[in-house]
Amino acid sequence: MHRPAATADRNPVVRREEGMLPFLLARLRHWHAQLVSGGRQVCGIPDYQAYLAHQRRHHPDQPVLSYEAFFRQRIDARYGGRGRMRCC
């Protein structure tokens, strides 16, 4: 008896494997973003994307800061603001 070759429209395993690549790439992008965010937190670099997500989720009625204003606010909060550097 002759068996037809496996094709994507007949074999659900082939279809699932073809769908795995986008899933794996999405997971890889997610983990990369998490690593970058964690690295920035360790180095003290503020995460503007996390700020935007927080503002949209918790304070949708308030205006968001520009990247420059956000960065300046975070640096001022960390180092005492107004050009003053606090001691280590």
PDB file of N, CA and C in Angstrom:
ATOM      1  N   MET A   1       0.832  -1.177   0.000  1.00  0.00           N
ATOM      2  CA  MET A   1       0.000   0.000   0.000  1.00  0.00           C
ATOM      3  C   MET A   1       0.883   1.250   0.000  1.00  0.00           C
ATOM      4  N   HIS A   2       0.520   2.239  -0.804  1.00  0.00           N
ATOM      5  CA  HIS A   2       1.287   3.476  -0.934  1.00  0.00           C
ATOM      6  C   HIS A   2       0.776   4.515   0.074  1.00  0.00           C
ATOM      7  N   ARG A   3       1.702   5.105   0.831  1.00  0.00           N
ATOM      8  CA  ARG A   3       1.342   6.143   1.801  1.00  0.00           C
ATOM      9  C   ARG A   3       1.781   7.500   1.260  1.00  0.00           C
ATOM     10  N   PRO A   4       0.900   8.492   1.298  1.00  0.00           N
ATOM     11  CA  PRO A   4       1.289   9.831   0.815  1.00  0.00           C
ATOM     12  C   PRO A   4       2.290  10.475   1.776  1.00  0.00           C
ATOM     13  N   ALA A   5       3.118  11.337   1.215  1.00  0.00           N
ATOM     14  CA  ALA A   5       4.096  12.063   2.037  1.00  0.00           C
ATOM     15  C   ALA A   5       3.372  13.011   2.989  1.00  0.00           C
ATOM     16  N   ALA A   6       4.004  13.261   4.135  1.00  0.00           N
ATOM     17  CA  ALA A   6       3.401  14.164   5.133  1.00  0.00           C
ATOM     18  C   ALA A   6       3.423  15.591   4.604  1.00  0.00           C
ATOM     19  N   THR A   7       2.295  16.213   4.625  1.00  0.00           N
ATOM     20  CA  THR A   7       2.193  17.612   4.224  1.00  0.00           C
ATOM     21  C   THR A   7       1.624  18.409   5.383  1.00  0.00           C
ATOM     22  N   ALA A   8       1.806  19.700   5.315  1.00  0.00           N
ATOM     23  CA  ALA A   8       1.363  20.556   6.415  1.00  0.00           C
ATOM     24  C   ALA A   8      -0.151  20.534   6.578  1.00  0.00           C
ATOM     25  N   ASP A   9      -0.886  20.366   5.486  1.00  0.00           N
ATOM     26  CA  ASP A   9      -2.346  20.389   5.607  1.00  0.00           C
ATOM     27  C   ASP A   9      -2.918  19.043   6.040  1.00  0.00           C
ATOM     28  N   ARG A  10      -2.135  17.968   5.999  1.00  0.00           N
ATOM     29  CA  ARG A  10      -2.625  16.662   6.430  1.00  0.00           C
ATOM     30  C   ARG A  10      -2.069  16.221   7.773  1.00  0.00           C
ATOM     31  N   ASN A  11      -0.917  16.699   8.138  1.00  0.00           N
ATOM     32  CA  ASN A  11      -0.244  16.224   9.337  1.00  0.00           C
ATOM     33  C   ASN A  11      -0.237  17.321  10.408  1.00  0.00           C
ATOM     34  N   PRO A  12      -0.964  17.115  11.522  1.00  0.00           N
ATOM     35  CA  PRO A  12      -0.999  18.164  12.557  1.00  0.00           C
ATOM     36  C   PRO A  12       0.347  18.376  13.224  1.00  0.00           C
ATOM     37  N   VAL A  13       1.213  17.364  13.228  1.00  0.00           N
ATOM     38  CA  VAL A  13       2.542  17.528  13.839  1.00  0.00           C
ATOM     39  C   VAL A  13       3.361  18.518  13.031  1.00  0.00           C
ATOM     40  N   VAL A  14       3.293  18.423  11.713  1.00  0.00           N
ATOM     41  CA  VAL A  14       4.027  19.352  10.860  1.00  0.00           C
ATOM     42  C   VAL A  14       3.501  20.763  11.069  1.00  0.00           C
ATOM     43  N   ARG A  15       2.180  20.941  11.138  1.00  0.00           N
ATOM     44  CA  ARG A  15       1.597  22.275  11.361  1.00  0.00           C
ATOM     45  C   ARG A  15       2.051  22.851  12.697  1.00  0.00           C
ATOM     46  N   ARG A  16       2.065  22.037  13.747  1.00  0.00           N
ATOM     47  CA  ARG A  16       2.457  22.529  15.061  1.00  0.00           C
ATOM     48  C   ARG A  16       3.920  22.956  15.062  1.00  0.00           C
ATOM     49  N   GLU A  17       4.777  22.186  14.415  1.00  0.00           N
ATOM     50  CA  GLU A  17       6.192  22.543  14.381  1.00  0.00           C
ATOM     51  C   GLU A  17       6.422  23.828  13.607  1.00  0.00           C
ATOM     52  N   GLU A  18       5.664  24.039  12.540  1.00  0.00           N
ATOM     53  CA  GLU A  18       5.790  25.291  11.804  1.00  0.00           C
ATOM     54  C   GLU A  18       5.336  26.469  12.649  1.00  0.00           C
ATOM     55  N   GLY A  19       4.386  26.249  13.541  1.00  0.00           N
ATOM     56  CA  GLY A  19       3.913  27.306  14.423  1.00  0.00           C
ATOM     57  C   GLY A  19       4.801  27.528  15.630  1.00  0.00           C
ATOM     58  N   MET A  20       5.745  26.636  15.864  1.00  0.00           N
ATOM     59  CA  MET A  20       6.623  26.761  17.020  1.00  0.00           C
ATOM     60  C   MET A  20       7.650  27.872  16.852  1.00  0.00           C
ATOM     61  N   LEU A  21       8.116  28.097  15.639  1.00  0.00           N
ATOM     62  CA  LEU A  21       9.141  29.114  15.432  1.00  0.00           C
ATOM     63  C   LEU A  21       8.669  30.498  15.869  1.00  0.00           C
ATOM     64  N   PRO A  22       7.502  30.971  15.447  1.00  0.00           N
ATOM     65  CA  PRO A  22       7.050  32.281  15.941  1.00  0.00           C
ATOM     66  C   PRO A  22       6.891  32.297  17.463  1.00  0.00           C
ATOM     67  N   PHE A  23       6.405  31.192  18.025  1.00  0.00           N
ATOM     68  CA  PHE A  23       6.252  31.113  19.479  1.00  0.00           C
ATOM     69  C   PHE A  23       7.612  31.211  20.168  1.00  0.00           C
ATOM     70  N   LEU A  24       8.588  30.464  19.685  1.00  0.00           N
ATOM     71  CA  LEU A  24       9.918  30.493  20.291  1.00  0.00           C
ATOM     72  C   LEU A  24      10.579  31.860  20.133  1.00  0.00           C
ATOM     73  N   LEU A  25      10.390  32.484  18.975  1.00  0.00           N
ATOM     74  CA  LEU A  25      10.949  33.819  18.784  1.00  0.00           C
ATOM     75  C   LEU A  25      10.311  34.837  19.727  1.00  0.00           C
ATOM     76  N   ALA A  26       9.010  34.715  19.934  1.00  0.00           N
ATOM     77  CA  ALA A  26       8.327  35.619  20.865  1.00  0.00           C
ATOM     78  C   ALA A  26       8.852  35.415  22.283  1.00  0.00           C
ATOM     79  N   ARG A  27       9.047  34.160  22.685  1.00  0.00           N
ATOM     80  CA  ARG A  27       9.593  33.881  24.023  1.00  0.00           C
ATOM     81  C   ARG A  27      11.012  34.434  24.159  1.00  0.00           C
ATOM     82  N   LEU A  28      11.818  34.270  23.104  1.00  0.00           N
ATOM     83  CA  LEU A  28      13.183  34.779  23.124  1.00  0.00           C
ATOM     84  C   LEU A  28      13.189  36.298  23.238  1.00  0.00           C
ATOM     85  N   ARG A  29      12.300  36.980  22.498  1.00  0.00           N
ATOM     86  CA  ARG A  29      12.204  38.443  22.615  1.00  0.00           C
ATOM     87  C   ARG A  29      11.803  38.860  24.020  1.00  0.00           C
ATOM     88  N   HIS A  30      10.856  38.120  24.611  1.00  0.00           N
ATOM     89  CA  HIS A  30      10.408  38.425  25.967  1.00  0.00           C
ATOM     90  C   HIS A  30      11.568  38.303  26.960  1.00  0.00           C
ATOM     91  N   TRP A  31      12.293  37.202  26.893  1.00  0.00           N
ATOM     92  CA  TRP A  31      13.409  37.004  27.821  1.00  0.00           C
ATOM     93  C   TRP A  31      14.522  38.015  27.581  1.00  0.00           C
ATOM     94  N   HIS A  32      14.771  38.377  26.342  1.00  0.00           N
ATOM     95  CA  HIS A  32      15.779  39.392  26.050  1.00  0.00           C
ATOM     96  C   HIS A  32      15.380  40.730  26.678  1.00  0.00           C
ATOM     97  N   ALA A  33      14.106  41.099  26.530  1.00  0.00           N
ATOM     98  CA  ALA A  33      13.627  42.356  27.114  1.00  0.00           C
ATOM     99  C   ALA A  33      13.746  42.323  28.633  1.00  0.00           C
ATOM    100  N   GLN A  34      13.453  41.175  29.240  1.00  0.00           N
ATOM    101  CA  GLN A  34      13.572  41.049  30.696  1.00  0.00           C
ATOM    102  C   GLN A  34      15.029  41.195  31.133  1.00  0.00           C
ATOM    103  N   LEU A  35      15.953  40.585  30.397  1.00  0.00           N
ATOM    104  CA  LEU A  35      17.376  40.688  30.738  1.00  0.00           C
ATOM    105  C   LEU A  35      17.881  42.122  30.582  1.00  0.00           C
ATOM    106  N   VAL A  36      17.474  42.781  29.512  1.00  0.00           N
ATOM    107  CA  VAL A  36      17.888  44.169  29.302  1.00  0.00           C
ATOM    108  C   VAL A  36      17.346  45.057  30.412  1.00  0.00           C
ATOM    109  N   SER A  37      16.078  44.873  30.753  1.00  0.00           N
ATOM    110  CA  SER A  37      15.473  45.666  31.827  1.00  0.00           C
ATOM    111  C   SER A  37      16.176  45.421  33.154  1.00  0.00           C
ATOM    112  N   GLY A  38      16.444  44.170  33.461  1.00  0.00           N
ATOM    113  CA  GLY A  38      17.145  43.846  34.710  1.00  0.00           C
ATOM    114  C   GLY A  38      18.546  44.431  34.741  1.00  0.00           C
ATOM    115  N   GLY A  39      19.245  44.355  33.610  1.00  0.00           N
ATOM    116  CA  GLY A  39      20.584  44.935  33.539  1.00  0.00           C
ATOM    117  C   GLY A  39      20.564  46.438  33.732  1.00  0.00           C
ATOM    118  N   ARG A  40      19.576  47.089  33.161  1.00  0.00           N
ATOM    119  CA  ARG A  40      19.460  48.542  33.345  1.00  0.00           C
ATOM    120  C   ARG A  40      19.166  48.893  34.802  1.00  0.00           C
ATOM    121  N   GLN A  41      18.340  48.106  35.448  1.00  0.00           N
ATOM    122  CA  GLN A  41      18.040  48.356  36.858  1.00  0.00           C
ATOM    123  C   GLN A  41      19.286  48.190  37.712  1.00  0.00           C
ATOM    124  N   VAL A  42      20.089  47.179  37.419  1.00  0.00           N
ATOM    125  CA  VAL A  42      21.315  46.947  38.180  1.00  0.00           C
ATOM    126  C   VAL A  42      22.276  48.114  38.001  1.00  0.00           C
ATOM    127  N   CYS A  43      22.369  48.639  36.794  1.00  0.00           N
ATOM    128  CA  CYS A  43      23.281  49.752  36.507  1.00  0.00           C
ATOM    129  C   CYS A  43      22.706  51.108  36.895  1.00  0.00           C
ATOM    130  N   GLY A  44      21.422  51.156  37.231  1.00  0.00           N
ATOM    131  CA  GLY A  44      20.811  52.414  37.626  1.00  0.00           C
ATOM    132  C   GLY A  44      20.249  53.225  36.479  1.00  0.00           C
ATOM    133  N   ILE A  45      20.104  52.628  35.310  1.00  0.00           N
ATOM    134  CA  ILE A  45      19.538  53.331  34.160  1.00  0.00           C
ATOM    135  C   ILE A  45      18.019  53.163  34.214  1.00  0.00           C
ATOM    136  N   PRO A  46      17.259  54.252  34.224  1.00  0.00           N
ATOM    137  CA  PRO A  46      15.801  54.135  34.320  1.00  0.00           C
ATOM    138  C   PRO A  46      15.187  53.476  33.090  1.00  0.00           C
ATOM    139  N   ASP A  47      14.091  52.758  33.295  1.00  0.00           N
ATOM    140  CA  ASP A  47      13.420  52.017  32.226  1.00  0.00           C
ATOM    141  C   ASP A  47      12.176  52.781  31.781  1.00  0.00           C
ATOM    142  N   TYR A  48      12.301  53.510  30.677  1.00  0.00           N
ATOM    143  CA  TYR A  48      11.224  54.353  30.178  1.00  0.00           C
ATOM    144  C   TYR A  48      10.033  53.531  29.724  1.00  0.00           C
ATOM    145  N   GLN A  49      10.271  52.381  29.103  1.00  0.00           N
ATOM    146  CA  GLN A  49       9.164  51.547  28.632  1.00  0.00           C
ATOM    147  C   GLN A  49       8.333  51.028  29.812  1.00  0.00           C
ATOM    148  N   ALA A  50       8.983  50.664  30.913  1.00  0.00           N
ATOM    149  CA  ALA A  50       8.241  50.220  32.097  1.00  0.00           C
ATOM    150  C   ALA A  50       7.420  51.378  32.662  1.00  0.00           C
ATOM    151  N   TYR A  51       7.992  52.583  32.637  1.00  0.00           N
ATOM    152  CA  TYR A  51       7.271  53.767  33.097  1.00  0.00           C
ATOM    153  C   TYR A  51       6.022  54.009  32.250  1.00  0.00           C
ATOM    154  N   LEU A  52       6.166  53.903  30.916  1.00  0.00           N
ATOM    155  CA  LEU A  52       5.018  54.109  30.029  1.00  0.00           C
ATOM    156  C   LEU A  52       3.924  53.067  30.289  1.00  0.00           C
ATOM    157  N   ALA A  53       4.320  51.809  30.456  1.00  0.00           N
ATOM    158  CA  ALA A  53       3.342  50.750  30.727  1.00  0.00           C
ATOM    159  C   ALA A  53       2.628  51.004  32.052  1.00  0.00           C
ATOM    160  N   HIS A  54       3.366  51.430  33.067  1.00  0.00           N
ATOM    161  CA  HIS A  54       2.770  51.726  34.369  1.00  0.00           C
ATOM    162  C   HIS A  54       1.782  52.880  34.263  1.00  0.00           C
ATOM    163  N   GLN A  55       2.182  53.938  33.557  1.00  0.00           N
ATOM    164  CA  GLN A  55       1.305  55.101  33.411  1.00  0.00           C
ATOM    165  C   GLN A  55       0.007  54.724  32.694  1.00  0.00           C
ATOM    166  N   ARG A  56       0.118  53.938  31.617  1.00  0.00           N
ATOM    167  CA  ARG A  56      -1.082  53.520  30.885  1.00  0.00           C
ATOM    168  C   ARG A  56      -1.995  52.665  31.754  1.00  0.00           C
ATOM    169  N   ARG A  57      -1.405  51.789  32.551  1.00  0.00           N
ATOM    170  CA  ARG A  57      -2.190  50.858  33.350  1.00  0.00           C
ATOM    171  C   ARG A  57      -2.812  51.532  34.573  1.00  0.00           C
ATOM    172  N   HIS A  58      -2.049  52.354  35.284  1.00  0.00           N
ATOM    173  CA  HIS A  58      -2.505  52.879  36.575  1.00  0.00           C
ATOM    174  C   HIS A  58      -2.927  54.346  36.565  1.00  0.00           C
ATOM    175  N   HIS A  59      -2.436  55.126  35.617  1.00  0.00           N
ATOM    176  CA  HIS A  59      -2.735  56.563  35.588  1.00  0.00           C
ATOM    177  C   HIS A  59      -3.058  57.028  34.166  1.00  0.00           C
ATOM    178  N   PRO A  60      -4.083  56.450  33.533  1.00  0.00           N
ATOM    179  CA  PRO A  60      -4.360  56.806  32.135  1.00  0.00           C
ATOM    180  C   PRO A  60      -4.799  58.251  31.945  1.00  0.00           C
ATOM    181  N   ASP A  61      -5.289  58.897  32.998  1.00  0.00           N
ATOM    182  CA  ASP A  61      -5.766  60.268  32.880  1.00  0.00           C
ATOM    183  C   ASP A  61      -4.646  61.301  33.002  1.00  0.00           C
ATOM    184  N   GLN A  62      -3.462  60.895  33.441  1.00  0.00           N
ATOM    185  CA  GLN A  62      -2.353  61.829  33.628  1.00  0.00           C
ATOM    186  C   GLN A  62      -1.455  61.841  32.399  1.00  0.00           C
ATOM    187  N   PRO A  63      -0.866  63.000  32.082  1.00  0.00           N
ATOM    188  CA  PRO A  63       0.051  63.056  30.931  1.00  0.00           C
ATOM    189  C   PRO A  63       1.358  62.327  31.261  1.00  0.00           C
ATOM    190  N   VAL A  64       2.006  61.797  30.239  1.00  0.00           N
ATOM    191  CA  VAL A  64       3.284  61.107  30.439  1.00  0.00           C
ATOM    192  C   VAL A  64       4.429  62.065  30.136  1.00  0.00           C
ATOM    193  N   LEU A  65       5.547  61.843  30.788  1.00  0.00           N
ATOM    194  CA  LEU A  65       6.736  62.649  30.571  1.00  0.00           C
ATOM    195  C   LEU A  65       7.420  62.225  29.278  1.00  0.00           C
ATOM    196  N   SER A  66       8.115  63.157  28.648  1.00  0.00           N
ATOM    197  CA  SER A  66       8.954  62.793  27.513  1.00  0.00           C
ATOM    198  C   SER A  66      10.127  61.977  28.048  1.00  0.00           C
ATOM    199  N   TYR A  67      10.847  61.302  27.143  1.00  0.00           N
ATOM    200  CA  TYR A  67      11.982  60.502  27.594  1.00  0.00           C
ATOM    201  C   TYR A  67      13.006  61.375  28.317  1.00  0.00           C
ATOM    202  N   GLU A  68      13.284  62.553  27.784  1.00  0.00           N
ATOM    203  CA  GLU A  68      14.279  63.447  28.388  1.00  0.00           C
ATOM    204  C   GLU A  68      13.843  63.896  29.775  1.00  0.00           C
ATOM    205  N   ALA A  69      12.570  64.287  29.923  1.00  0.00           N
ATOM    206  CA  ALA A  69      12.065  64.720  31.228  1.00  0.00           C
ATOM    207  C   ALA A  69      12.054  63.561  32.223  1.00  0.00           C
ATOM    208  N   PHE A  70      11.669  62.377  31.767  1.00  0.00           N
ATOM    209  CA  PHE A  70      11.673  61.198  32.630  1.00  0.00           C
ATOM    210  C   PHE A  70      13.089  60.888  33.102  1.00  0.00           C
ATOM    211  N   PHE A  71      14.032  60.887  32.162  1.00  0.00           N
ATOM    212  CA  PHE A  71      15.418  60.575  32.514  1.00  0.00           C
ATOM    213  C   PHE A  71      15.964  61.592  33.512  1.00  0.00           C
ATOM    214  N   ARG A  72      15.692  62.866  33.280  1.00  0.00           N
ATOM    215  CA  ARG A  72      16.164  63.915  34.189  1.00  0.00           C
ATOM    216  C   ARG A  72      15.551  63.744  35.578  1.00  0.00           C
ATOM    217  N   GLN A  73      14.257  63.434  35.641  1.00  0.00           N
ATOM    218  CA  GLN A  73      13.590  63.228  36.927  1.00  0.00           C
ATOM    219  C   GLN A  73      14.219  62.066  37.690  1.00  0.00           C
ATOM    220  N   ARG A  74      14.492  60.976  37.013  1.00  0.00           N
ATOM    221  CA  ARG A  74      15.094  59.799  37.660  1.00  0.00           C
ATOM    222  C   ARG A  74      16.507  60.097  38.135  1.00  0.00           C
ATOM    223  N   ILE A  75      17.292  60.811  37.321  1.00  0.00           N
ATOM    224  CA  ILE A  75      18.659  61.158  37.716  1.00  0.00           C
ATOM    225  C   ILE A  75      18.632  62.114  38.905  1.00  0.00           C
ATOM    226  N   ASP A  76      17.730  63.087  38.876  1.00  0.00           N
ATOM    227  CA  ASP A  76      17.606  64.012  40.002  1.00  0.00           C
ATOM    228  C   ASP A  76      17.200  63.268  41.277  1.00  0.00           C
ATOM    229  N   ALA A  77      16.278  62.318  41.146  1.00  0.00           N
ATOM    230  CA  ALA A  77      15.861  61.547  42.324  1.00  0.00           C
ATOM    231  C   ALA A  77      17.006  60.699  42.858  1.00  0.00           C
ATOM    232  N   ARG A  78      17.831  60.197  41.977  1.00  0.00           N
ATOM    233  CA  ARG A  78      18.929  59.334  42.419  1.00  0.00           C
ATOM    234  C   ARG A  78      20.075  60.123  43.034  1.00  0.00           C
ATOM    235  N   TYR A  79      20.407  61.265  42.442  1.00  0.00           N
ATOM    236  CA  TYR A  79      21.591  62.001  42.874  1.00  0.00           C
ATOM    237  C   TYR A  79      21.278  63.297  43.606  1.00  0.00           C
ATOM    238  N   GLY A  80      20.071  63.521  44.024  1.00  0.00           N
ATOM    239  CA  GLY A  80      19.771  64.695  44.827  1.00  0.00           C
ATOM    240  C   GLY A  80      19.237  65.878  44.055  1.00  0.00           C
ATOM    241  N   GLY A  81      19.276  65.886  42.753  1.00  0.00           N
ATOM    242  CA  GLY A  81      18.660  66.922  41.935  1.00  0.00           C
ATOM    243  C   GLY A  81      19.370  68.249  41.947  1.00  0.00           C
ATOM    244  N   ARG A  82      18.937  69.115  41.046  1.00  0.00           N
ATOM    245  CA  ARG A  82      19.408  70.492  40.902  1.00  0.00           C
ATOM    246  C   ARG A  82      20.928  70.592  40.794  1.00  0.00           C
ATOM    247  N   GLY A  83      21.545  69.607  40.133  1.00  0.00           N
ATOM    248  CA  GLY A  83      22.978  69.678  39.891  1.00  0.00           C
ATOM    249  C   GLY A  83      23.831  69.309  41.084  1.00  0.00           C
ATOM    250  N   ARG A  84      23.233  69.087  42.240  1.00  0.00           N
ATOM    251  CA  ARG A  84      24.026  68.722  43.422  1.00  0.00           C
ATOM    252  C   ARG A  84      24.288  67.223  43.381  1.00  0.00           C
ATOM    253  N   MET A  85      25.491  66.845  43.657  1.00  0.00           N
ATOM    254  CA  MET A  85      25.820  65.432  43.737  1.00  0.00           C
ATOM    255  C   MET A  85      25.946  65.082  45.221  1.00  0.00           C
ATOM    256  N   ARG A  86      25.267  64.064  45.624  1.00  0.00           N
ATOM    257  CA  ARG A  86      25.397  63.658  47.025  1.00  0.00           C
ATOM    258  C   ARG A  86      26.617  62.752  47.166  1.00  0.00           C
ATOM    259  N   CYS A  87      27.086  62.669  48.356  1.00  0.00           N
ATOM    260  CA  CYS A  87      28.259  61.850  48.622  1.00  0.00           C
ATOM    261  C   CYS A  87      27.911  60.365  48.540  1.00  0.00           C
ATOM    262  N   CYS A  88      28.884  59.565  48.171  1.00  0.00           N
ATOM    263  CA  CYS A  88      28.680  58.119  48.095  1.00  0.00           C
ATOM    264  C   CYS A  88      28.325  57.608  49.461  1.00  0.00           C
TER     265      CYS A  88
END
